[in-house]
Amino acid sequence: MTTPVLSVVVLSWNTRELTLACLRALFAETPRHAREVIVVDNGSADGSADAIAAAFPQVRLLRNAENRLYAAGNNQGAAAATGEFLCTLNSDTEVRPGALDQLVDYLRQHPGHGAVAPRLVDPDGTVQHACQRFPTLATALCFDSWWGTFWPGSRVQARYLMRDFDHLSSRDVDQPPGAVFVIRLEEWRRYGGLDEQLSLFYNDVDLSRRLWRDGRRVHYLADAEVLHHRGGSTRNFGKMLVLWHQNRLAYYGKHYGWLGRAWIKVCVRLRIWEERRKIVRRHPNDPAAQRAERDYLAKAEAELWR
């Protein structure tokens, strides 16, 4: 059996049709660099695992009894990988022919780079503007309050979202879109993979930041293209907003210390306060709807700080 150059880890959670399309795209081409495909099914309830096993027996399928979330699931798949390079590939993607080979070639030709990611496009071909700069304390304030609506807060937001970059050319970036991320497997393991405290969000931001901290650059390669159905898994996750805030709190605590954690708590409370102020405007003549929204915010806040 040929030793793989690239190990592709696909994490699947209740995205049966998207995952099958993702795998069809992977196996539709004969890659220049030998690859293995590892699918981690995170306790799907839609028959994903059985469908994958039946349609793609050549895939190494790891079945979890429950949803271990993004970081742990990808770490599990990477632990089973044997290639020189590792690609974490979202189940809501479809790789274009040659795209993964181009990413591997880039890292082979650029030893100073730690990771590379492709251009993502919508089904209609529209380029997704998904690269970002690392979030700062000002980013959090502008995101969570009306400060982000007006200058200079709007400028902070524009800088963070890289609105000055059209995503049509290749360049080094702070953090590329995490839907497709290629890194040397040895380097992934040396960094410990994804931080599982950042269970669903900010784990790719954190890994990119750790790479840059050590002088390992991260590249966005516009010539390699991958179709991305945005949010195929996360849109089905009911606790996404609370978990996003919890993961953000952990990220800021990790990179900004106690000040970062305290600052995020202030920003989130500002956001909740603003949301409470909007309730009456949204439901001026409906006390029941107002009570329901207040109860929801109270429960979300209690769960957030658990």
Protein backbone atom coordinates (compact mmCIF):
# COMPACT_ATOMS: atom_id res chain seq x y z
CA MET A 1 0.00 0.00 0.00
CA THR A 2 1.29 3.47 -0.94
CA THR A 3 2.20 5.67 2.01
CA PRO A 4 -0.02 8.75 1.82
CA VAL A 5 1.46 12.20 1.36
CA LEU A 6 -1.72 13.90 2.55
CA SER A 7 -4.15 12.81 5.25
CA VAL A 8 -7.57 14.40 4.84
CA VAL A 9 -9.74 14.53 7.96
CA VAL A 10 -13.43 15.19 7.38
CA LEU A 11 -15.56 15.86 10.44
CA SER A 12 -19.24 15.00 10.02
CA TRP A 13 -22.21 15.81 12.24
CA ASN A 14 -25.72 15.42 10.83
CA THR A 15 -24.64 16.53 7.37
CA ARG A 16 -25.15 13.25 5.50
CA GLU A 17 -25.80 14.65 2.03
CA LEU A 18 -23.13 17.35 2.35
CA THR A 19 -20.59 14.81 3.62
CA LEU A 20 -21.36 12.42 0.77
CA ALA A 21 -20.93 15.28 -1.73
CA CYS A 22 -17.65 16.22 -0.03
CA LEU A 23 -16.36 12.66 -0.39
CA ARG A 24 -17.55 12.36 -3.99
CA ALA A 25 -15.52 15.45 -4.86
CA LEU A 26 -12.45 14.02 -3.10
CA PHE A 27 -12.62 10.73 -4.96
CA ALA A 28 -13.61 12.24 -8.32
CA GLU A 29 -9.97 12.99 -9.11
CA THR A 30 -6.74 11.02 -9.17
CA PRO A 31 -4.45 13.19 -7.03
CA ARG A 32 -0.77 13.64 -7.79
CA HIS A 33 -0.02 13.24 -4.10
CA ALA A 34 -1.28 10.00 -2.60
CA ARG A 35 -3.86 10.64 0.07
CA GLU A 36 -5.88 8.90 2.74
CA VAL A 37 -9.30 10.04 3.85
CA ILE A 38 -10.40 9.75 7.46
CA VAL A 39 -13.98 10.59 8.39
CA VAL A 40 -14.91 11.24 12.00
CA ASP A 41 -18.65 10.98 12.51
CA ASN A 42 -19.56 12.93 15.64
CA GLY A 43 -22.61 10.97 16.78
CA SER A 44 -24.81 11.87 13.81
CA ALA A 45 -28.48 10.95 14.11
CA ASP A 46 -29.23 11.18 10.38
CA GLY A 47 -27.63 7.93 9.23
CA SER A 48 -24.45 9.64 8.06
CA ALA A 49 -22.04 6.98 9.28
CA ASP A 50 -23.87 4.05 7.65
CA ALA A 51 -24.28 5.98 4.39
CA ILE A 52 -20.57 6.84 4.32
CA ALA A 53 -19.55 3.24 5.05
CA ALA A 54 -21.79 1.94 2.26
CA ALA A 55 -20.78 4.48 -0.40
CA PHE A 56 -17.08 4.87 0.44
CA PRO A 57 -15.65 1.65 1.93
CA GLN A 58 -12.12 2.95 1.20
CA VAL A 59 -12.58 5.68 3.81
CA ARG A 60 -11.34 5.13 7.34
CA LEU A 61 -14.48 5.82 9.35
CA LEU A 62 -14.33 6.65 13.06
CA ARG A 63 -17.73 6.56 14.75
CA ASN A 64 -18.33 8.56 17.92
CA ALA A 65 -21.31 7.84 20.14
CA GLU A 66 -21.78 11.57 20.78
CA ASN A 67 -20.87 14.93 19.33
CA ARG A 68 -17.35 15.66 20.57
CA LEU A 69 -17.44 19.02 18.75
CA TYR A 70 -14.96 20.44 16.27
CA ALA A 71 -11.61 20.58 18.05
CA ALA A 72 -11.77 17.15 19.68
CA GLY A 73 -13.18 15.52 16.55
CA ASN A 74 -10.42 16.87 14.32
CA ASN A 75 -7.77 15.95 16.88
CA GLN A 76 -9.17 12.42 16.92
CA GLY A 77 -8.93 12.17 13.14
CA ALA A 78 -5.44 13.66 13.07
CA ALA A 79 -4.27 11.13 15.66
CA ALA A 80 -5.10 8.39 13.14
CA ALA A 81 -3.35 10.16 10.25
CA THR A 82 -0.19 8.76 8.66
CA GLY A 83 0.60 11.29 5.92
CA GLU A 84 3.34 13.89 5.71
CA PHE A 85 0.69 16.63 5.54
CA LEU A 86 -2.68 16.99 7.21
CA CYS A 87 -5.78 18.68 5.81
CA THR A 88 -8.73 19.40 8.06
CA LEU A 89 -11.67 19.59 5.66
CA ASN A 90 -15.18 20.65 6.64
CA SER A 91 -17.95 18.33 5.53
CA ASP A 92 -19.71 21.24 3.81
CA THR A 93 -16.95 21.63 1.22
CA GLU A 94 -16.30 20.21 -2.25
CA VAL A 95 -12.69 20.42 -3.40
CA ARG A 96 -11.99 21.42 -6.99
CA PRO A 97 -9.67 19.08 -8.93
CA GLY A 98 -6.04 19.72 -8.04
CA ALA A 99 -6.74 22.13 -5.17
CA LEU A 100 -5.33 19.96 -2.39
CA ASP A 101 -2.28 19.07 -4.50
CA GLN A 102 -1.62 22.80 -4.94
CA LEU A 103 -1.76 23.35 -1.19
CA VAL A 104 0.68 20.50 -0.54
CA ASP A 105 3.00 21.83 -3.27
CA TYR A 106 2.96 25.27 -1.66
CA LEU A 107 4.11 23.99 1.72
CA ARG A 108 6.78 21.83 0.13
CA GLN A 109 8.13 24.83 -1.77
CA HIS A 110 7.88 27.24 1.18
CA PRO A 111 9.46 25.72 4.31
CA GLY A 112 9.03 29.02 6.19
CA HIS A 113 5.26 28.66 6.09
CA GLY A 114 3.45 26.59 8.66
CA ALA A 115 0.03 26.35 7.01
CA VAL A 116 -1.89 27.20 3.86
CA ALA A 117 -5.56 27.51 2.94
CA PRO A 118 -7.41 27.93 -0.37
CA ARG A 119 -9.91 30.38 -1.78
CA LEU A 120 -13.47 29.45 -0.83
CA VAL A 121 -16.39 30.09 -3.16
CA ASP A 122 -20.17 29.91 -2.92
CA PRO A 123 -22.08 27.51 -5.19
CA ASP A 124 -22.62 30.38 -7.63
CA GLY A 125 -18.88 31.07 -7.78
CA THR A 126 -18.89 34.15 -5.55
CA VAL A 127 -15.63 34.42 -3.61
CA GLN A 128 -16.10 34.18 0.14
CA HIS A 129 -14.28 36.92 2.06
CA ALA A 130 -13.33 34.73 4.98
CA CYS A 131 -9.76 35.74 5.90
CA GLN A 132 -9.45 37.88 9.01
CA ARG A 133 -6.88 39.63 11.13
CA PHE A 134 -6.45 38.48 14.70
CA PRO A 135 -9.15 39.88 17.00
CA THR A 136 -8.09 42.57 19.46
CA LEU A 137 -9.70 44.01 22.57
CA ALA A 138 -11.13 46.78 20.39
CA THR A 139 -12.62 44.14 18.07
CA ALA A 140 -14.63 42.66 20.92
CA LEU A 141 -16.01 46.04 22.02
CA CYS A 142 -17.03 47.00 18.48
CA PHE A 143 -18.65 43.64 17.83
CA ASP A 144 -20.72 43.66 20.99
CA SER A 145 -21.90 47.26 21.06
CA TRP A 146 -23.12 50.11 18.89
CA TRP A 147 -19.53 51.39 18.75
CA GLY A 148 -18.98 49.08 15.77
CA THR A 149 -21.61 50.91 13.75
CA PHE A 150 -19.89 54.29 13.64
CA TRP A 151 -16.36 55.58 13.02
CA PRO A 152 -13.86 54.76 14.46
CA GLY A 153 -15.51 51.52 15.55
CA SER A 154 -16.55 50.75 11.98
CA ARG A 155 -12.91 51.09 10.94
CA VAL A 156 -11.89 48.58 13.62
CA GLN A 157 -14.47 46.15 12.28
CA ALA A 158 -13.37 46.68 8.67
CA ARG A 159 -9.75 46.04 9.59
CA TYR A 160 -10.61 42.86 11.51
CA LEU A 161 -12.73 41.51 8.63
CA MET A 162 -10.05 42.44 6.05
CA ARG A 163 -12.47 44.44 3.93
CA ASP A 164 -9.39 45.92 2.26
CA PHE A 165 -8.61 42.53 0.69
CA ASP A 166 -10.57 41.25 -2.30
CA HIS A 167 -9.48 37.59 -1.77
CA LEU A 168 -8.61 37.28 -5.47
CA SER A 169 -4.82 37.25 -4.98
CA SER A 170 -2.52 35.16 -2.83
CA ARG A 171 -0.88 36.58 0.29
CA ASP A 172 0.09 35.78 3.86
CA VAL A 173 -2.77 36.34 6.30
CA ASP A 174 -3.25 36.20 10.06
CA GLN A 175 -6.00 33.62 9.87
CA PRO A 176 -7.40 32.03 6.73
CA PRO A 177 -10.84 30.40 6.57
CA GLY A 178 -10.67 27.27 8.70
CA ALA A 179 -12.92 25.17 6.46
CA VAL A 180 -9.83 23.87 4.62
CA PHE A 181 -6.50 24.04 6.43
CA VAL A 182 -3.31 22.22 5.40
CA ILE A 183 -0.36 21.85 7.75
CA ARG A 184 2.54 19.45 8.13
CA LEU A 185 1.39 16.58 10.35
CA GLU A 186 4.57 16.71 12.42
CA GLU A 187 3.98 20.39 13.09
CA TRP A 188 0.32 19.80 13.99
CA ARG A 189 1.36 17.23 16.57
CA ARG A 190 4.14 19.41 17.93
CA TYR A 191 1.56 22.14 18.58
CA GLY A 192 -0.86 19.65 20.10
CA GLY A 193 -3.43 20.15 17.35
CA LEU A 194 -6.49 22.24 18.14
CA ASP A 195 -7.02 23.51 21.68
CA GLU A 196 -10.05 21.56 22.93
CA GLN A 197 -10.97 24.34 25.34
CA LEU A 198 -11.96 26.14 22.15
CA SER A 199 -14.37 23.35 21.34
CA LEU A 200 -16.21 24.76 18.31
CA PHE A 201 -15.00 28.31 17.65
CA TYR A 202 -11.70 30.20 17.71
CA ASN A 203 -9.63 26.99 17.63
CA ASP A 204 -8.37 27.71 14.10
CA VAL A 205 -7.68 31.34 15.07
CA ASP A 206 -5.68 30.11 18.05
CA LEU A 207 -3.64 27.64 15.99
CA SER A 208 -2.84 30.30 13.39
CA ARG A 209 -1.81 32.70 16.15
CA ARG A 210 0.50 30.11 17.71
CA LEU A 211 2.10 29.48 14.32
CA TRP A 212 2.70 33.18 13.72
CA ARG A 213 4.03 33.60 17.26
CA ASP A 214 6.80 31.15 16.40
CA GLY A 215 7.60 32.76 13.06
CA ARG A 216 5.65 30.20 11.04
CA ARG A 217 3.73 32.12 8.40
CA VAL A 218 0.23 31.26 7.21
CA HIS A 219 -0.69 31.66 3.54
CA TYR A 220 -3.88 32.18 1.56
CA LEU A 221 -3.52 30.57 -1.88
CA ALA A 222 -6.09 32.06 -4.22
CA ASP A 223 -5.21 29.71 -7.10
CA ALA A 224 -6.54 26.71 -5.17
CA GLU A 225 -10.33 26.76 -5.06
CA VAL A 226 -12.83 24.90 -2.88
CA LEU A 227 -16.61 25.15 -2.91
CA HIS A 228 -17.99 25.90 0.55
CA HIS A 229 -21.61 25.60 1.64
CA ARG A 230 -21.41 28.04 4.54
CA GLY A 231 -22.37 26.79 7.99
CA GLY A 232 -23.58 23.36 6.92
CA SER A 233 -23.09 21.90 10.40
CA THR A 234 -23.18 24.84 12.79
CA ARG A 235 -26.55 26.11 11.57
CA ASN A 236 -28.05 22.95 13.09
CA PHE A 237 -26.46 23.43 16.50
CA GLY A 238 -28.93 24.93 18.96
CA LYS A 239 -26.42 26.20 21.53
CA MET A 240 -24.12 27.79 18.97
CA LEU A 241 -24.39 31.41 20.19
CA VAL A 242 -23.72 30.59 23.84
CA LEU A 243 -20.85 28.28 22.91
CA TRP A 244 -19.41 30.95 20.61
CA HIS A 245 -19.26 33.41 23.49
CA GLN A 246 -17.80 30.79 25.83
CA ASN A 247 -15.09 29.88 23.33
CA ARG A 248 -14.36 33.56 22.70
CA LEU A 249 -13.98 34.08 26.45
CA ALA A 250 -11.50 31.18 26.59
CA TYR A 251 -9.57 32.52 23.57
CA TYR A 252 -9.21 36.01 25.00
CA GLY A 253 -8.22 34.55 28.36
CA LYS A 254 -5.53 32.47 26.70
CA HIS A 255 -4.03 35.30 24.65
CA TYR A 256 -4.79 38.37 26.79
CA GLY A 257 -4.82 36.85 30.29
CA TRP A 258 -7.13 38.01 33.07
CA LEU A 259 -7.62 41.35 31.33
CA GLY A 260 -8.94 39.60 28.22
CA ARG A 261 -11.42 37.50 30.19
CA ALA A 262 -12.63 40.52 32.17
CA TRP A 263 -12.94 42.60 29.01
CA ILE A 264 -15.03 39.98 27.19
CA LYS A 265 -17.37 39.74 30.18
CA VAL A 266 -17.86 43.50 30.05
CA CYS A 267 -18.48 43.43 26.29
CA VAL A 268 -20.98 40.57 26.48
CA ARG A 269 -22.90 42.29 29.27
CA LEU A 270 -23.03 45.40 27.09
CA ARG A 271 -24.47 43.26 24.30
CA ILE A 272 -27.09 41.69 26.57
CA TRP A 273 -28.02 45.12 27.95
CA GLU A 274 -28.50 46.44 24.42
CA GLU A 275 -30.59 43.40 23.47
CA ARG A 276 -32.83 43.94 26.49
CA ARG A 277 -33.34 47.57 25.47
CA LYS A 278 -34.50 46.44 22.02
CA ILE A 279 -37.15 44.04 23.31
CA VAL A 280 -39.87 46.65 23.81
CA ARG A 281 -39.17 48.16 20.40
CA ARG A 282 -39.48 44.75 18.77
CA HIS A 283 -42.71 43.84 20.60
CA PRO A 284 -44.33 47.14 21.64
CA ASN A 285 -47.79 45.65 22.21
CA ASP A 286 -46.96 42.08 23.13
CA PRO A 287 -46.05 41.63 26.83
CA ALA A 288 -45.91 37.84 26.43
CA ALA A 289 -43.29 38.10 23.67
CA GLN A 290 -41.32 40.58 25.78
CA ARG A 291 -41.32 38.17 28.74
CA ALA A 292 -40.28 35.28 26.50
CA GLU A 293 -37.29 37.20 25.13
CA ARG A 294 -36.24 38.38 28.60
CA ASP A 295 -36.44 34.79 29.87
CA TYR A 296 -34.36 33.60 26.92
CA LEU A 297 -31.68 36.22 27.57
CA ALA A 298 -31.61 35.38 31.27
CA LYS A 299 -31.17 31.66 30.56
CA ALA A 300 -28.51 32.32 27.92
CA GLU A 301 -26.61 34.58 30.30
CA ALA A 302 -26.76 32.01 33.11
CA GLU A 303 -25.49 29.27 30.77
CA LEU A 304 -22.76 31.54 29.40
CA TRP A 305 -21.17 32.11 32.79
CA ARG A 306 -21.47 28.54 34.05
